[in-house]
């Protein structure tokens, strides 16, 4: 039962973007070891800027 709850929680965090920084750190460790990773605050600022800046409309 606990594994199902954990899997559900991981899926929910992934869909909502709550685990975005953790996924970024894993990717960074695997592919960009020579560079320093962004701080959590800087990462979320860039993530929000990319998501909300610019024209966002359907027409």
PDB file of N, CA and C in Angstrom:
ATOM      1  N   UNK A   1       0.823  -1.200   0.000  1.00  0.00           N
ATOM      2  CA  UNK A   1       0.000   0.000   0.000  1.00  0.00           C
ATOM      3  C   UNK A   1       0.863   1.258   0.000  1.00  0.00           C
ATOM      4  N   UNK A   2       1.942   1.232   0.775  1.00  0.00           N
ATOM      5  CA  UNK A   2       2.813   2.400   0.866  1.00  0.00           C
ATOM      6  C   UNK A   2       3.471   2.708  -0.474  1.00  0.00           C
ATOM      7  N   UNK A   3       3.856   1.684  -1.230  1.00  0.00           N
ATOM      8  CA  UNK A   3       4.474   1.913  -2.539  1.00  0.00           C
ATOM      9  C   UNK A   3       3.522   2.602  -3.493  1.00  0.00           C
ATOM     10  N   UNK A   4       2.237   2.254  -3.437  1.00  0.00           N
ATOM     11  CA  UNK A   4       1.248   2.905  -4.291  1.00  0.00           C
ATOM     12  C   UNK A   4       1.097   4.371  -3.917  1.00  0.00           C
ATOM     13  N   UNK A   5       1.099   4.648  -2.642  1.00  0.00           N
ATOM     14  CA  UNK A   5       0.984   6.037  -2.179  1.00  0.00           C
ATOM     15  C   UNK A   5       2.217   6.834  -2.586  1.00  0.00           C
ATOM     16  N   UNK A   6       3.391   6.235  -2.412  1.00  0.00           N
ATOM     17  CA  UNK A   6       4.631   6.910  -2.812  1.00  0.00           C
ATOM     18  C   UNK A   6       4.663   7.158  -4.316  1.00  0.00           C
ATOM     19  N   UNK A   7       4.250   6.182  -5.096  1.00  0.00           N
ATOM     20  CA  UNK A   7       4.227   6.344  -6.554  1.00  0.00           C
ATOM     21  C   UNK A   7       3.233   7.434  -6.952  1.00  0.00           C
ATOM     22  N   UNK A   8       2.083   7.455  -6.321  1.00  0.00           N
ATOM     23  CA  UNK A   8       1.092   8.492  -6.590  1.00  0.00           C
ATOM     24  C   UNK A   8       1.659   9.866  -6.251  1.00  0.00           C
ATOM     25  N   UNK A   9       2.306   9.966  -5.095  1.00  0.00           N
ATOM     26  CA  UNK A   9       2.870  11.244  -4.658  1.00  0.00           C
ATOM     27  C   UNK A   9       3.974  11.712  -5.612  1.00  0.00           C
ATOM     28  N   UNK A  10       4.845  10.805  -6.052  1.00  0.00           N
ATOM     29  CA  UNK A  10       5.890  11.162  -7.012  1.00  0.00           C
ATOM     30  C   UNK A  10       5.271  11.648  -8.319  1.00  0.00           C
ATOM     31  N   UNK A  11       4.233  10.964  -8.790  1.00  0.00           N
ATOM     32  CA  UNK A  11       3.558  11.367 -10.020  1.00  0.00           C
ATOM     33  C   UNK A  11       2.905  12.732  -9.890  1.00  0.00           C
ATOM     34  N   UNK A  12       2.278  12.973  -8.767  1.00  0.00           N
ATOM     35  CA  UNK A  12       1.638  14.257  -8.525  1.00  0.00           C
ATOM     36  C   UNK A  12       2.666  15.387  -8.470  1.00  0.00           C
ATOM     37  N   UNK A  13       3.775  15.147  -7.805  1.00  0.00           N
ATOM     38  CA  UNK A  13       4.841  16.157  -7.738  1.00  0.00           C
ATOM     39  C   UNK A  13       5.416  16.440  -9.118  1.00  0.00           C
ATOM     40  N   UNK A  14       5.547  15.400  -9.930  1.00  0.00           N
ATOM     41  CA  UNK A  14       6.084  15.574 -11.278  1.00  0.00           C
ATOM     42  C   UNK A  14       5.110  16.383 -12.137  1.00  0.00           C
ATOM     43  N   UNK A  15       3.837  16.049 -12.089  1.00  0.00           N
ATOM     44  CA  UNK A  15       2.837  16.767 -12.880  1.00  0.00           C
ATOM     45  C   UNK A  15       2.712  18.229 -12.477  1.00  0.00           C
ATOM     46  N   UNK A  16       2.827  18.502 -11.189  1.00  0.00           N
ATOM     47  CA  UNK A  16       2.669  19.872 -10.704  1.00  0.00           C
ATOM     48  C   UNK A  16       3.947  20.697 -10.850  1.00  0.00           C
ATOM     49  N   UNK A  17       5.080  20.030 -11.103  1.00  0.00           N
ATOM     50  CA  UNK A  17       6.350  20.741 -11.215  1.00  0.00           C
ATOM     51  C   UNK A  17       7.043  20.932  -9.881  1.00  0.00           C
ATOM     52  N   UNK A  18       6.496  20.349  -8.838  1.00  0.00           N
ATOM     53  CA  UNK A  18       7.072  20.500  -7.502  1.00  0.00           C
ATOM     54  C   UNK A  18       8.464  19.888  -7.401  1.00  0.00           C
ATOM     55  N   UNK A  19       8.750  18.891  -8.225  1.00  0.00           N
ATOM     56  CA  UNK A  19      10.062  18.239  -8.181  1.00  0.00           C
ATOM     57  C   UNK A  19      11.001  18.755  -9.274  1.00  0.00           C
ATOM     58  N   UNK A  20      10.679  19.887  -9.877  1.00  0.00           N
ATOM     59  CA  UNK A  20      11.462  20.404 -11.000  1.00  0.00           C
ATOM     60  C   UNK A  20      12.922  20.663 -10.615  1.00  0.00           C
ATOM     61  N   UNK A  21      13.152  21.233  -9.450  1.00  0.00           N
ATOM     62  CA  UNK A  21      14.531  21.528  -9.050  1.00  0.00           C
ATOM     63  C   UNK A  21      15.313  20.239  -8.810  1.00  0.00           C
ATOM     64  N   UNK A  22      14.681  19.244  -8.219  1.00  0.00           N
ATOM     65  CA  UNK A  22      15.352  17.962  -7.995  1.00  0.00           C
ATOM     66  C   UNK A  22      15.708  17.302  -9.330  1.00  0.00           C
ATOM     67  N   UNK A  23      14.790  17.362 -10.302  1.00  0.00           N
ATOM     68  CA  UNK A  23      15.071  16.807 -11.626  1.00  0.00           C
ATOM     69  C   UNK A  23      16.185  17.594 -12.303  1.00  0.00           C
ATOM     70  N   UNK A  24      16.187  18.912 -12.125  1.00  0.00           N
ATOM     71  CA  UNK A  24      17.253  19.750 -12.687  1.00  0.00           C
ATOM     72  C   UNK A  24      18.611  19.346 -12.101  1.00  0.00           C
ATOM     73  N   UNK A  25      18.669  19.149 -10.791  1.00  0.00           N
ATOM     74  CA  UNK A  25      19.941  18.766 -10.162  1.00  0.00           C
ATOM     75  C   UNK A  25      20.431  17.408 -10.658  1.00  0.00           C
ATOM     76  N   UNK A  26      19.514  16.450 -10.837  1.00  0.00           N
ATOM     77  CA  UNK A  26      19.912  15.133 -11.376  1.00  0.00           C
ATOM     78  C   UNK A  26      20.456  15.279 -12.791  1.00  0.00           C
ATOM     79  N   UNK A  27      19.765  16.044 -13.629  1.00  0.00           N
ATOM     80  CA  UNK A  27      20.220  16.261 -15.000  1.00  0.00           C
ATOM     81  C   UNK A  27      21.575  16.964 -15.000  1.00  0.00           C
ATOM     82  N   UNK A  28      21.716  17.963 -14.164  1.00  0.00           N
ATOM     83  CA  UNK A  28      22.963  18.731 -14.098  1.00  0.00           C
ATOM     84  C   UNK A  28      24.124  17.832 -13.679  1.00  0.00           C
ATOM     85  N   UNK A  29      23.900  16.984 -12.703  1.00  0.00           N
ATOM     86  CA  UNK A  29      24.951  16.081 -12.232  1.00  0.00           C
ATOM     87  C   UNK A  29      25.372  15.086 -13.319  1.00  0.00           C
ATOM     88  N   UNK A  30      24.428  14.676 -14.147  1.00  0.00           N
ATOM     89  CA  UNK A  30      24.732  13.703 -15.194  1.00  0.00           C
ATOM     90  C   UNK A  30      25.383  14.328 -16.427  1.00  0.00           C
ATOM     91  N   UNK A  31      25.016  15.573 -16.769  1.00  0.00           N
ATOM     92  CA  UNK A  31      25.415  16.137 -18.054  1.00  0.00           C
ATOM     93  C   UNK A  31      26.267  17.409 -17.987  1.00  0.00           C
ATOM     94  N   UNK A  32      26.328  18.065 -16.857  1.00  0.00           N
ATOM     95  CA  UNK A  32      27.021  19.359 -16.779  1.00  0.00           C
ATOM     96  C   UNK A  32      27.885  19.438 -15.526  1.00  0.00           C
ATOM     97  N   UNK A  33      28.691  18.437 -15.293  1.00  0.00           N
ATOM     98  CA  UNK A  33      29.460  18.351 -14.059  1.00  0.00           C
ATOM     99  C   UNK A  33      30.484  19.475 -13.897  1.00  0.00           C
ATOM    100  N   UNK A  34      30.950  20.041 -14.985  1.00  0.00           N
ATOM    101  CA  UNK A  34      31.976  21.082 -14.900  1.00  0.00           C
ATOM    102  C   UNK A  34      31.400  22.416 -14.426  1.00  0.00           C
ATOM    103  N   UNK A  35      30.097  22.617 -14.564  1.00  0.00           N
ATOM    104  CA  UNK A  35      29.464  23.870 -14.183  1.00  0.00           C
ATOM    105  C   UNK A  35      28.835  23.773 -12.800  1.00  0.00           C
ATOM    106  N   UNK A  36      28.706  24.910 -12.146  1.00  0.00           N
ATOM    107  CA  UNK A  36      28.031  24.976 -10.856  1.00  0.00           C
ATOM    108  C   UNK A  36      26.522  25.051 -11.101  1.00  0.00           C
ATOM    109  N   UNK A  37      25.728  24.231 -10.407  1.00  0.00           N
ATOM    110  CA  UNK A  37      24.278  24.300 -10.621  1.00  0.00           C
ATOM    111  C   UNK A  37      23.693  25.601 -10.059  1.00  0.00           C
ATOM    112  N   UNK A  38      22.557  25.975 -10.592  1.00  0.00           N
ATOM    113  CA  UNK A  38      21.872  27.163 -10.106  1.00  0.00           C
ATOM    114  C   UNK A  38      21.361  26.924  -8.686  1.00  0.00           C
ATOM    115  N   UNK A  39      21.252  28.000  -7.928  1.00  0.00           N
ATOM    116  CA  UNK A  39      20.633  27.877  -6.616  1.00  0.00           C
ATOM    117  C   UNK A  39      19.150  27.618  -6.817  1.00  0.00           C
ATOM    118  N   UNK A  40      18.485  27.154  -5.779  1.00  0.00           N
ATOM    119  CA  UNK A  40      17.054  26.865  -5.887  1.00  0.00           C
ATOM    120  C   UNK A  40      16.274  28.129  -6.228  1.00  0.00           C
ATOM    121  N   UNK A  41      16.624  29.239  -5.600  1.00  0.00           N
ATOM    122  CA  UNK A  41      15.918  30.503  -5.856  1.00  0.00           C
ATOM    123  C   UNK A  41      16.124  30.967  -7.297  1.00  0.00           C
ATOM    124  N   UNK A  42      17.348  30.894  -7.791  1.00  0.00           N
ATOM    125  CA  UNK A  42      17.639  31.312  -9.165  1.00  0.00           C
ATOM    126  C   UNK A  42      16.945  30.403 -10.164  1.00  0.00           C
ATOM    127  N   UNK A  43      16.957  29.095  -9.899  1.00  0.00           N
ATOM    128  CA  UNK A  43      16.283  28.147 -10.784  1.00  0.00           C
ATOM    129  C   UNK A  43      14.796  28.476 -10.899  1.00  0.00           C
ATOM    130  N   UNK A  44      14.135  28.683  -9.775  1.00  0.00           N
ATOM    131  CA  UNK A  44      12.697  28.948  -9.821  1.00  0.00           C
ATOM    132  C   UNK A  44      12.386  30.296 -10.444  1.00  0.00           C
ATOM    133  N   UNK A  45      13.260  31.281 -10.251  1.00  0.00           N
ATOM    134  CA  UNK A  45      13.052  32.577 -10.902  1.00  0.00           C
ATOM    135  C   UNK A  45      13.105  32.407 -12.418  1.00  0.00           C
ATOM    136  N   UNK A  46      14.120  31.703 -12.921  1.00  0.00           N
ATOM    137  CA  UNK A  46      14.232  31.470 -14.362  1.00  0.00           C
ATOM    138  C   UNK A  46      13.064  30.637 -14.877  1.00  0.00           C
ATOM    139  N   UNK A  47      12.662  29.625 -14.128  1.00  0.00           N
ATOM    140  CA  UNK A  47      11.568  28.743 -14.517  1.00  0.00           C
ATOM    141  C   UNK A  47      10.269  29.533 -14.638  1.00  0.00           C
ATOM    142  N   UNK A  48      10.009  30.398 -13.662  1.00  0.00           N
ATOM    143  CA  UNK A  48       8.788  31.207 -13.698  1.00  0.00           C
ATOM    144  C   UNK A  48       8.856  32.249 -14.809  1.00  0.00           C
ATOM    145  N   UNK A  49      10.016  32.853 -15.006  1.00  0.00           N
ATOM    146  CA  UNK A  49      10.159  33.837 -16.087  1.00  0.00           C
ATOM    147  C   UNK A  49       9.885  33.202 -17.450  1.00  0.00           C
ATOM    148  N   UNK A  50      10.438  32.009 -17.678  1.00  0.00           N
ATOM    149  CA  UNK A  50      10.209  31.323 -18.948  1.00  0.00           C
ATOM    150  C   UNK A  50       8.741  30.952 -19.130  1.00  0.00           C
ATOM    151  N   UNK A  51       8.101  30.605 -18.031  1.00  0.00           N
ATOM    152  CA  UNK A  51       6.709  30.177 -18.104  1.00  0.00           C
ATOM    153  C   UNK A  51       5.757  31.346 -18.338  1.00  0.00           C
ATOM    154  N   UNK A  52       6.029  32.508 -17.744  1.00  0.00           N
ATOM    155  CA  UNK A  52       5.042  33.585 -17.738  1.00  0.00           C
ATOM    156  C   UNK A  52       5.413  34.811 -18.549  1.00  0.00           C
ATOM    157  N   UNK A  53       6.662  34.981 -18.951  1.00  0.00           N
ATOM    158  CA  UNK A  53       7.032  36.152 -19.730  1.00  0.00           C
ATOM    159  C   UNK A  53       6.648  35.959 -21.195  1.00  0.00           C
ATOM    160  N   UNK A  54       6.389  37.070 -21.857  1.00  0.00           N
ATOM    161  CA  UNK A  54       6.032  37.011 -23.262  1.00  0.00           C
ATOM    162  C   UNK A  54       4.527  36.996 -23.442  1.00  0.00           C
ATOM    163  N   UNK A  55       4.107  36.959 -24.660  1.00  0.00           N
ATOM    164  CA  UNK A  55       2.680  36.954 -24.976  1.00  0.00           C
ATOM    165  C   UNK A  55       2.137  35.551 -24.797  1.00  0.00           C
ATOM    166  N   UNK A  56       1.144  35.409 -23.974  1.00  0.00           N
ATOM    167  CA  UNK A  56       0.504  34.117 -23.708  1.00  0.00           C
ATOM    168  C   UNK A  56      -0.983  34.262 -23.981  1.00  0.00           C
ATOM    169  N   UNK A  57      -1.364  34.032 -25.206  1.00  0.00           N
ATOM    170  CA  UNK A  57      -2.790  34.082 -25.533  1.00  0.00           C
ATOM    171  C   UNK A  57      -3.054  33.190 -26.734  1.00  0.00           C
ATOM    172  N   UNK A  58      -4.300  32.885 -26.931  1.00  0.00           N
ATOM    173  CA  UNK A  58      -4.651  31.946 -27.988  1.00  0.00           C
ATOM    174  C   UNK A  58      -4.893  32.628 -29.331  1.00  0.00           C
ATOM    175  N   UNK A  59      -5.195  33.904 -29.350  1.00  0.00           N
ATOM    176  CA  UNK A  59      -5.556  34.575 -30.601  1.00  0.00           C
ATOM    177  C   UNK A  59      -4.641  35.733 -30.934  1.00  0.00           C
TER     178      UNK A  59
END
